[in-house]
């Protein structure tokens, strides 16, 4: 908001650099002599914001993968885990969560990879992956990745992204504050999916039964619904189905 407001002010100045120098003098920075446009600083801020959001998301993945249940899953079949433990943090975390969601007798590397790929085609995951690649190209080893931002943006599920977020990503080099906000919104959606599914439905419903099963009918229904919504991150449709199944 601050950078957009300042950029709007600069747009009405006859000499951008002179105006910035004058502002700097008023704040005691007498030696400031900007030799590039403010747009370059604003662009750097956008890339920094995107990098921060991606890093925060990576830390969430690390925390999920470090939970006792996920550690136990890794140990239960180390061979499958090793084959699935590749790619960026999101890819590896989705694969691990999909593995946890499957019945033990159906767990194969091929089955997990197929299901995980379907998850990563969801609009929010596609957006996060696109901005991750931009972050890597801008701040890390540009040109060394297998897929570039140009490759990825052409394959984005644009209509699905627009339907969910009311906007779509811009091409690298033309990013705006909307892209920084979209990156954040998309990561929030991805984070909710990861946290929602890190506990299987069977385990989640067992927690609900144990925690609320002995309460009186009215209190039980209200408390259970709030718990499923806020702690287990279930959708209202899922909550209604469970309440109906338990006849609560």
C-alpha atoms as a PDB file:
ATOM      1  CA  UNK A   1       0.000   0.000   0.000  1.00  0.00           C
ATOM      2  CA  UNK A   2       2.806   2.397   0.877  1.00  0.00           C
ATOM      3  CA  UNK A   3       4.773   1.754  -2.304  1.00  0.00           C
ATOM      4  CA  UNK A   4       1.668   2.053  -4.474  1.00  0.00           C
ATOM      5  CA  UNK A   5       0.756   5.349  -2.812  1.00  0.00           C
ATOM      6  CA  UNK A   6       4.289   6.709  -3.246  1.00  0.00           C
ATOM      7  CA  UNK A   7       4.400   5.556  -6.872  1.00  0.00           C
ATOM      8  CA  UNK A   8       1.140   7.434  -7.514  1.00  0.00           C
ATOM      9  CA  UNK A   9       2.662  10.607  -6.052  1.00  0.00           C
ATOM     10  CA  UNK A  10       5.819  10.208  -8.131  1.00  0.00           C
ATOM     11  CA  UNK A  11       3.762   9.884 -11.290  1.00  0.00           C
ATOM     12  CA  UNK A  12       2.727  13.550 -10.901  1.00  0.00           C
ATOM     13  CA  UNK A  13       6.237  14.909 -10.302  1.00  0.00           C
ATOM     14  CA  UNK A  14       8.225  16.623 -13.084  1.00  0.00           C
ATOM     15  CA  UNK A  15      11.492  15.086 -11.815  1.00  0.00           C
ATOM     16  CA  UNK A  16      11.235  11.800  -9.886  1.00  0.00           C
ATOM     17  CA  UNK A  17      14.833  11.746  -8.644  1.00  0.00           C
ATOM     18  CA  UNK A  18      14.689  15.372  -7.458  1.00  0.00           C
ATOM     19  CA  UNK A  19      11.483  14.693  -5.540  1.00  0.00           C
ATOM     20  CA  UNK A  20      12.947  11.584  -3.865  1.00  0.00           C
ATOM     21  CA  UNK A  21      16.099  13.523  -2.918  1.00  0.00           C
ATOM     22  CA  UNK A  22      13.940  16.270  -1.414  1.00  0.00           C
ATOM     23  CA  UNK A  23      11.953  13.722   0.610  1.00  0.00           C
ATOM     24  CA  UNK A  24      15.209  12.145   1.792  1.00  0.00           C
ATOM     25  CA  UNK A  25      16.602  15.512   2.936  1.00  0.00           C
ATOM     26  CA  UNK A  26      13.494  16.145   5.044  1.00  0.00           C
ATOM     27  CA  UNK A  27      14.180  12.849   6.826  1.00  0.00           C
ATOM     28  CA  UNK A  28      17.881  13.558   7.336  1.00  0.00           C
ATOM     29  CA  UNK A  29      19.253  11.420   4.479  1.00  0.00           C
ATOM     30  CA  UNK A  30      21.171  14.180   2.709  1.00  0.00           C
ATOM     31  CA  UNK A  31      23.405  11.951   0.593  1.00  0.00           C
ATOM     32  CA  UNK A  32      20.685  10.037  -1.269  1.00  0.00           C
ATOM     33  CA  UNK A  33      21.007  10.390  -5.059  1.00  0.00           C
ATOM     34  CA  UNK A  34      18.808   7.756  -6.768  1.00  0.00           C
ATOM     35  CA  UNK A  35      20.045   6.890 -10.253  1.00  0.00           C
ATOM     36  CA  UNK A  36      17.271   4.448 -11.153  1.00  0.00           C
ATOM     37  CA  UNK A  37      13.501   4.759 -11.182  1.00  0.00           C
ATOM     38  CA  UNK A  38      11.382   3.981  -8.128  1.00  0.00           C
ATOM     39  CA  UNK A  39       9.741   1.231 -10.196  1.00  0.00           C
ATOM     40  CA  UNK A  40      12.910  -0.868  -9.826  1.00  0.00           C
ATOM     41  CA  UNK A  41      12.740  -0.592  -6.028  1.00  0.00           C
ATOM     42  CA  UNK A  42       9.041  -1.443  -6.073  1.00  0.00           C
ATOM     43  CA  UNK A  43       9.737  -4.467  -8.289  1.00  0.00           C
ATOM     44  CA  UNK A  44      12.441  -5.676  -5.903  1.00  0.00           C
ATOM     45  CA  UNK A  45       9.987  -5.353  -3.014  1.00  0.00           C
ATOM     46  CA  UNK A  46       7.442  -7.515  -4.878  1.00  0.00           C
ATOM     47  CA  UNK A  47      10.000 -10.244  -5.551  1.00  0.00           C
ATOM     48  CA  UNK A  48      11.115 -10.071  -1.917  1.00  0.00           C
ATOM     49  CA  UNK A  49       7.528 -10.444  -0.720  1.00  0.00           C
ATOM     50  CA  UNK A  50       6.985 -13.459  -2.964  1.00  0.00           C
ATOM     51  CA  UNK A  51      10.255 -14.981  -1.742  1.00  0.00           C
ATOM     52  CA  UNK A  52       9.180 -14.438   1.867  1.00  0.00           C
ATOM     53  CA  UNK A  53       5.788 -16.121   1.309  1.00  0.00           C
ATOM     54  CA  UNK A  54       7.412 -19.090  -0.436  1.00  0.00           C
ATOM     55  CA  UNK A  55       9.941 -19.446   2.403  1.00  0.00           C
ATOM     56  CA  UNK A  56       7.176 -19.315   5.023  1.00  0.00           C
ATOM     57  CA  UNK A  57       5.350 -22.040   3.094  1.00  0.00           C
ATOM     58  CA  UNK A  58       8.475 -24.178   2.983  1.00  0.00           C
ATOM     59  CA  UNK A  59       8.779 -23.858   6.757  1.00  0.00           C
ATOM     60  CA  UNK A  60       5.170 -25.020   7.145  1.00  0.00           C
ATOM     61  CA  UNK A  61       5.958 -28.080   5.019  1.00  0.00           C
ATOM     62  CA  UNK A  62       8.981 -28.782   7.195  1.00  0.00           C
ATOM     63  CA  UNK A  63       6.847 -28.589  10.361  1.00  0.00           C
ATOM     64  CA  UNK A  64       4.208 -30.929   8.889  1.00  0.00           C
ATOM     65  CA  UNK A  65       6.841 -33.444   7.821  1.00  0.00           C
ATOM     66  CA  UNK A  66       8.351 -33.305  11.318  1.00  0.00           C
ATOM     67  CA  UNK A  67       5.179 -34.306  13.176  1.00  0.00           C
ATOM     68  CA  UNK A  68       5.218 -37.639  15.000  1.00  0.00           C
ATOM     69  CA  UNK A  69       2.623 -39.188  12.683  1.00  0.00           C
ATOM     70  CA  UNK A  70       4.573 -38.250   9.558  1.00  0.00           C
ATOM     71  CA  UNK A  71       7.846 -39.475  11.038  1.00  0.00           C
ATOM     72  CA  UNK A  72       6.161 -42.782  11.850  1.00  0.00           C
ATOM     73  CA  UNK A  73       4.870 -43.016   8.292  1.00  0.00           C
ATOM     74  CA  UNK A  74       8.372 -42.448   6.916  1.00  0.00           C
ATOM     75  CA  UNK A  75       9.720 -45.279   9.077  1.00  0.00           C
ATOM     76  CA  UNK A  76       6.868 -47.656   8.181  1.00  0.00           C
ATOM     77  CA  UNK A  77       8.042 -48.051   4.583  1.00  0.00           C
ATOM     78  CA  UNK A  78      11.425 -46.431   4.048  1.00  0.00           C
ATOM     79  CA  UNK A  79      11.806 -47.714   0.493  1.00  0.00           C
ATOM     80  CA  UNK A  80       8.608 -46.049  -0.748  1.00  0.00           C
ATOM     81  CA  UNK A  81       9.412 -42.899   1.217  1.00  0.00           C
ATOM     82  CA  UNK A  82      12.864 -42.600  -0.374  1.00  0.00           C
ATOM     83  CA  UNK A  83      11.370 -42.829  -3.875  1.00  0.00           C
ATOM     84  CA  UNK A  84       8.761 -40.175  -3.050  1.00  0.00           C
ATOM     85  CA  UNK A  85      11.132 -37.816  -1.260  1.00  0.00           C
ATOM     86  CA  UNK A  86      12.159 -35.740  -4.258  1.00  0.00           C
ATOM     87  CA  UNK A  87      11.352 -32.318  -5.697  1.00  0.00           C
ATOM     88  CA  UNK A  88      10.526 -29.080  -3.899  1.00  0.00           C
ATOM     89  CA  UNK A  89       9.050 -28.922  -0.397  1.00  0.00           C
ATOM     90  CA  UNK A  90       5.434 -28.815  -1.581  1.00  0.00           C
ATOM     91  CA  UNK A  91       5.855 -31.776  -3.940  1.00  0.00           C
ATOM     92  CA  UNK A  92       7.486 -33.889  -1.246  1.00  0.00           C
ATOM     93  CA  UNK A  93       4.940 -32.914   1.397  1.00  0.00           C
ATOM     94  CA  UNK A  94       1.947 -33.602  -0.851  1.00  0.00           C
ATOM     95  CA  UNK A  95       3.387 -37.018  -1.713  1.00  0.00           C
ATOM     96  CA  UNK A  96       3.836 -37.834   1.984  1.00  0.00           C
ATOM     97  CA  UNK A  97       0.300 -36.703   2.856  1.00  0.00           C
ATOM     98  CA  UNK A  98      -1.191 -38.669  -0.049  1.00  0.00           C
ATOM     99  CA  UNK A  99       0.747 -41.711   1.192  1.00  0.00           C
ATOM    100  CA  UNK A 100      -0.819 -41.213   4.645  1.00  0.00           C
ATOM    101  CA  UNK A 101      -4.308 -40.962   3.131  1.00  0.00           C
ATOM    102  CA  UNK A 102      -4.019 -44.305   1.330  1.00  0.00           C
ATOM    103  CA  UNK A 103      -4.820 -47.708   2.784  1.00  0.00           C
ATOM    104  CA  UNK A 104      -1.568 -49.605   3.492  1.00  0.00           C
ATOM    105  CA  UNK A 105      -2.379 -52.332   0.957  1.00  0.00           C
ATOM    106  CA  UNK A 106      -2.825 -49.740  -1.828  1.00  0.00           C
ATOM    107  CA  UNK A 107       0.385 -47.821  -1.194  1.00  0.00           C
ATOM    108  CA  UNK A 108       2.629 -47.985  -4.232  1.00  0.00           C
ATOM    109  CA  UNK A 109       4.982 -45.356  -5.604  1.00  0.00           C
ATOM    110  CA  UNK A 110       3.033 -45.139  -8.869  1.00  0.00           C
ATOM    111  CA  UNK A 111      -0.330 -44.738  -7.128  1.00  0.00           C
ATOM    112  CA  UNK A 112       0.962 -42.055  -4.780  1.00  0.00           C
ATOM    113  CA  UNK A 113       2.639 -40.106  -7.579  1.00  0.00           C
ATOM    114  CA  UNK A 114      -0.505 -40.184  -9.702  1.00  0.00           C
ATOM    115  CA  UNK A 115      -2.706 -38.934  -6.841  1.00  0.00           C
ATOM    116  CA  UNK A 116      -0.139 -36.297  -5.814  1.00  0.00           C
ATOM    117  CA  UNK A 117       0.092 -35.022  -9.381  1.00  0.00           C
ATOM    118  CA  UNK A 118      -3.686 -34.519  -9.456  1.00  0.00           C
ATOM    119  CA  UNK A 119      -3.464 -32.449  -6.260  1.00  0.00           C
ATOM    120  CA  UNK A 120      -0.740 -30.238  -7.694  1.00  0.00           C
ATOM    121  CA  UNK A 121      -2.877 -29.463 -10.728  1.00  0.00           C
ATOM    122  CA  UNK A 122      -5.366 -27.693  -8.450  1.00  0.00           C
ATOM    123  CA  UNK A 123      -5.414 -23.901  -9.078  1.00  0.00           C
ATOM    124  CA  UNK A 124      -3.800 -22.859  -5.783  1.00  0.00           C
ATOM    125  CA  UNK A 125      -0.982 -25.407  -6.114  1.00  0.00           C
ATOM    126  CA  UNK A 126      -0.351 -24.353  -9.715  1.00  0.00           C
ATOM    127  CA  UNK A 127      -0.107 -20.689  -8.668  1.00  0.00           C
ATOM    128  CA  UNK A 128       2.295 -21.462  -5.822  1.00  0.00           C
ATOM    129  CA  UNK A 129       4.500 -23.519  -8.128  1.00  0.00           C
ATOM    130  CA  UNK A 130       4.588 -20.697 -10.700  1.00  0.00           C
ATOM    131  CA  UNK A 131       5.701 -18.095  -8.169  1.00  0.00           C
ATOM    132  CA  UNK A 132       8.208 -20.562  -6.697  1.00  0.00           C
ATOM    133  CA  UNK A 133       9.838 -20.888 -10.097  1.00  0.00           C
ATOM    134  CA  UNK A 134       9.855 -17.089 -10.507  1.00  0.00           C
ATOM    135  CA  UNK A 135      11.495 -16.797  -7.081  1.00  0.00           C
ATOM    136  CA  UNK A 136      14.151 -19.303  -8.109  1.00  0.00           C
ATOM    137  CA  UNK A 137      14.852 -17.609 -11.443  1.00  0.00           C
ATOM    138  CA  UNK A 138      15.000 -14.141  -9.902  1.00  0.00           C
ATOM    139  CA  UNK A 139      16.953 -14.861  -6.727  1.00  0.00           C
ATOM    140  CA  UNK A 140      18.735 -18.159  -7.326  1.00  0.00           C
ATOM    141  CA  UNK A 141      20.169 -20.078 -10.275  1.00  0.00           C
ATOM    142  CA  UNK A 142      18.378 -18.609 -13.263  1.00  0.00           C
ATOM    143  CA  UNK A 143      18.355 -20.803 -16.350  1.00  0.00           C
ATOM    144  CA  UNK A 144      19.274 -24.014 -14.516  1.00  0.00           C
ATOM    145  CA  UNK A 145      15.756 -25.241 -13.712  1.00  0.00           C
ATOM    146  CA  UNK A 146      14.108 -27.980 -15.753  1.00  0.00           C
ATOM    147  CA  UNK A 147      11.001 -25.814 -16.212  1.00  0.00           C
ATOM    148  CA  UNK A 148      11.014 -22.036 -16.525  1.00  0.00           C
ATOM    149  CA  UNK A 149       8.344 -19.506 -15.582  1.00  0.00           C
ATOM    150  CA  UNK A 150       7.565 -19.137 -19.295  1.00  0.00           C
ATOM    151  CA  UNK A 151       6.928 -22.892 -19.581  1.00  0.00           C
ATOM    152  CA  UNK A 152       4.745 -22.981 -16.481  1.00  0.00           C
ATOM    153  CA  UNK A 153       2.564 -19.930 -17.139  1.00  0.00           C
ATOM    154  CA  UNK A 154       1.454 -21.327 -20.486  1.00  0.00           C
ATOM    155  CA  UNK A 155       0.173 -24.463 -18.728  1.00  0.00           C
ATOM    156  CA  UNK A 156      -1.618 -22.776 -15.814  1.00  0.00           C
ATOM    157  CA  UNK A 157      -5.321 -23.628 -15.282  1.00  0.00           C
ATOM    158  CA  UNK A 158      -6.240 -19.989 -15.913  1.00  0.00           C
ATOM    159  CA  UNK A 159     -10.018 -20.326 -15.663  1.00  0.00           C
ATOM    160  CA  UNK A 160      -9.819 -22.265 -12.413  1.00  0.00           C
ATOM    161  CA  UNK A 161      -7.406 -19.711 -10.953  1.00  0.00           C
ATOM    162  CA  UNK A 162      -9.630 -16.823 -11.990  1.00  0.00           C
ATOM    163  CA  UNK A 163     -12.705 -18.530 -10.536  1.00  0.00           C
ATOM    164  CA  UNK A 164     -11.002 -19.060  -7.176  1.00  0.00           C
ATOM    165  CA  UNK A 165      -8.964 -15.860  -6.819  1.00  0.00           C
ATOM    166  CA  UNK A 166     -10.661 -13.378  -9.215  1.00  0.00           C
ATOM    167  CA  UNK A 167      -7.314 -12.695 -10.889  1.00  0.00           C
ATOM    168  CA  UNK A 168      -4.479 -14.543 -12.650  1.00  0.00           C
ATOM    169  CA  UNK A 169      -0.660 -14.381 -12.420  1.00  0.00           C
ATOM    170  CA  UNK A 170       1.231 -11.973 -14.651  1.00  0.00           C
ATOM    171  CA  UNK A 171       4.263 -12.899 -16.699  1.00  0.00           C
ATOM    172  CA  UNK A 172       7.698 -12.642 -15.105  1.00  0.00           C
ATOM    173  CA  UNK A 173       9.000  -9.110 -15.548  1.00  0.00           C
ATOM    174  CA  UNK A 174       5.502  -7.648 -15.400  1.00  0.00           C
ATOM    175  CA  UNK A 175       4.575  -8.537 -11.842  1.00  0.00           C
ATOM    176  CA  UNK A 176       2.453  -6.121  -9.823  1.00  0.00           C
ATOM    177  CA  UNK A 177       1.277  -5.886  -6.221  1.00  0.00           C
ATOM    178  CA  UNK A 178      -1.638  -8.128  -7.263  1.00  0.00           C
ATOM    179  CA  UNK A 179       0.873 -10.914  -7.873  1.00  0.00           C
ATOM    180  CA  UNK A 180       2.333 -10.556  -4.381  1.00  0.00           C
ATOM    181  CA  UNK A 181      -1.178 -10.734  -2.916  1.00  0.00           C
ATOM    182  CA  UNK A 182      -2.160 -13.659  -5.172  1.00  0.00           C
ATOM    183  CA  UNK A 183       0.952 -15.583  -4.101  1.00  0.00           C
ATOM    184  CA  UNK A 184      -0.038 -15.097  -0.465  1.00  0.00           C
ATOM    185  CA  UNK A 185      -3.678 -16.104  -1.019  1.00  0.00           C
ATOM    186  CA  UNK A 186      -2.666 -19.179  -3.007  1.00  0.00           C
ATOM    187  CA  UNK A 187      -0.210 -20.286  -0.314  1.00  0.00           C
ATOM    188  CA  UNK A 188      -2.896 -19.875   2.343  1.00  0.00           C
ATOM    189  CA  UNK A 189      -5.129 -22.177   0.292  1.00  0.00           C
ATOM    190  CA  UNK A 190      -2.320 -24.708  -0.151  1.00  0.00           C
ATOM    191  CA  UNK A 191      -1.502 -24.533   3.565  1.00  0.00           C
ATOM    192  CA  UNK A 192      -5.126 -25.228   4.436  1.00  0.00           C
ATOM    193  CA  UNK A 193      -5.161 -28.281   2.145  1.00  0.00           C
ATOM    194  CA  UNK A 194      -1.930 -29.632   3.632  1.00  0.00           C
ATOM    195  CA  UNK A 195      -3.096 -29.157   7.226  1.00  0.00           C
ATOM    196  CA  UNK A 196      -6.583 -30.486   6.453  1.00  0.00           C
ATOM    197  CA  UNK A 197      -5.243 -33.742   5.035  1.00  0.00           C
ATOM    198  CA  UNK A 198      -2.214 -34.389   7.252  1.00  0.00           C
ATOM    199  CA  UNK A 199      -4.637 -36.250   9.556  1.00  0.00           C
ATOM    200  CA  UNK A 200      -6.608 -38.932   7.746  1.00  0.00           C
ATOM    201  CA  UNK A 201     -10.420 -38.823   7.813  1.00  0.00           C
ATOM    202  CA  UNK A 202     -10.449 -42.037   9.862  1.00  0.00           C
ATOM    203  CA  UNK A 203      -8.144 -40.550  12.509  1.00  0.00           C
ATOM    204  CA  UNK A 204      -9.938 -37.204  12.429  1.00  0.00           C
ATOM    205  CA  UNK A 205     -13.335 -38.738  13.004  1.00  0.00           C
ATOM    206  CA  UNK A 206     -11.931 -40.934  15.778  1.00  0.00           C
ATOM    207  CA  UNK A 207     -10.730 -37.752  17.517  1.00  0.00           C
ATOM    208  CA  UNK A 208     -14.193 -36.187  17.134  1.00  0.00           C
ATOM    209  CA  UNK A 209     -15.948 -39.256  18.589  1.00  0.00           C
ATOM    210  CA  UNK A 210     -13.564 -39.514  21.532  1.00  0.00           C
ATOM    211  CA  UNK A 211     -13.691 -35.808  22.320  1.00  0.00           C
ATOM    212  CA  UNK A 212     -17.408 -35.134  21.971  1.00  0.00           C
ATOM    213  CA  UNK A 213     -19.178 -38.497  22.079  1.00  0.00           C
ATOM    214  CA  UNK A 214     -20.124 -38.299  25.768  1.00  0.00           C
ATOM    215  CA  UNK A 215     -21.493 -34.745  25.773  1.00  0.00           C
ATOM    216  CA  UNK A 216     -25.213 -34.000  25.845  1.00  0.00           C
ATOM    217  CA  UNK A 217     -26.845 -33.776  22.400  1.00  0.00           C
ATOM    218  CA  UNK A 218     -27.096 -29.988  21.905  1.00  0.00           C
ATOM    219  CA  UNK A 219     -23.685 -29.149  23.340  1.00  0.00           C
ATOM    220  CA  UNK A 220     -22.081 -32.044  21.456  1.00  0.00           C
ATOM    221  CA  UNK A 221     -23.392 -30.942  18.059  1.00  0.00           C
ATOM    222  CA  UNK A 222     -22.283 -27.316  18.431  1.00  0.00           C
ATOM    223  CA  UNK A 223     -18.870 -28.127  19.935  1.00  0.00           C
ATOM    224  CA  UNK A 224     -18.129 -30.866  17.402  1.00  0.00           C
ATOM    225  CA  UNK A 225     -19.022 -28.644  14.460  1.00  0.00           C
ATOM    226  CA  UNK A 226     -16.752 -25.846  15.678  1.00  0.00           C
ATOM    227  CA  UNK A 227     -13.898 -28.282  16.310  1.00  0.00           C
ATOM    228  CA  UNK A 228     -14.176 -29.810  12.838  1.00  0.00           C
ATOM    229  CA  UNK A 229     -14.338 -26.373  11.241  1.00  0.00           C
ATOM    230  CA  UNK A 230     -11.525 -24.648  13.150  1.00  0.00           C
ATOM    231  CA  UNK A 231      -9.183 -27.475  14.155  1.00  0.00           C
ATOM    232  CA  UNK A 232      -9.660 -30.127  11.490  1.00  0.00           C
ATOM    233  CA  UNK A 233     -10.430 -27.572   8.716  1.00  0.00           C
ATOM    234  CA  UNK A 234     -13.353 -29.615   7.365  1.00  0.00           C
ATOM    235  CA  UNK A 235     -15.715 -27.997   4.884  1.00  0.00           C
ATOM    236  CA  UNK A 236     -19.335 -27.395   5.894  1.00  0.00           C
ATOM    237  CA  UNK A 237     -20.409 -30.185   3.540  1.00  0.00           C
ATOM    238  CA  UNK A 238     -18.046 -32.630   5.268  1.00  0.00           C
ATOM    239  CA  UNK A 239     -19.204 -31.485   8.697  1.00  0.00           C
ATOM    240  CA  UNK A 240     -22.883 -31.920   7.797  1.00  0.00           C
ATOM    241  CA  UNK A 241     -22.222 -35.424   6.456  1.00  0.00           C
ATOM    242  CA  UNK A 242     -20.405 -36.501   9.630  1.00  0.00           C
ATOM    243  CA  UNK A 243     -23.062 -35.032  11.943  1.00  0.00           C
ATOM    244  CA  UNK A 244     -25.748 -36.843   9.935  1.00  0.00           C
ATOM    245  CA  UNK A 245     -23.797 -40.127   9.972  1.00  0.00           C
ATOM    246  CA  UNK A 246     -23.356 -39.971  13.762  1.00  0.00           C
ATOM    247  CA  UNK A 247     -26.986 -38.838  14.211  1.00  0.00           C
ATOM    248  CA  UNK A 248     -25.789 -35.960  16.382  1.00  0.00           C
END
